[in-house]
Amino acid sequence: MTLRLRPLQLEDEGEARAAHGELAQEHFCFLLDRDASEPWTTYLERLAQYRRGVDLPTDRVPATFLIAEDGGALVGRVSIRHELNDFLANEGGHIGYGVRPRYRRRGFATEILRQALIIARAEGIHCVLLTCDDDNAVSAWIIERAGGELEDVRPGSDGVAKRRYWIQ
């Protein structure tokens, strides 16, 4: 596996839109805050601004959005939130990631999380909160393998309980 995390680029538009469509079927948002009617370049600039904490909507925090690429294939994505607001502290955590269905069960989620933890620490986040749906045994297993310690399980705003883990 030669997975690397990197920012979205101009040439990623088609594949990123395809990934967004695939994961939307599972109610997972691949392209965060994407307005399908805006130019791709506008979206890329907004992601760069969010990373710097510039022009953030009131419900957002500074965040680094990266895609996961392996051998030229876009296999997933990760969002690393640099701080927590109330929603993230209860449900979303510092790191949110997803893997496209055709690339699952190959270790990509584990590697995305491993690399995301390195980036989070470089951003000064040394105690990282991760969450997953209470019924998502695979995500819970990945988080626990990465050193996640379960703090609690809380009701989610979507009606699904959320497991909350901390990684030191």
Foldseek 3Di string as FASTA:
>chain_A
DPKDWDADDPVCVVVQVVLQVQCVVVVDGQLPPDDVPDDPVVSSVVLVCLCVQHPDDPVAARWHKIFIDDPNHGFKIKIAGLDDDPQCVAANWRMDMDTRPVPPPPCPVLVVVVVSQVVNVVSVNPKTKHKDFPPPVVVVVSCVVQPWDWDDWAQHPVRTIMTITIHD
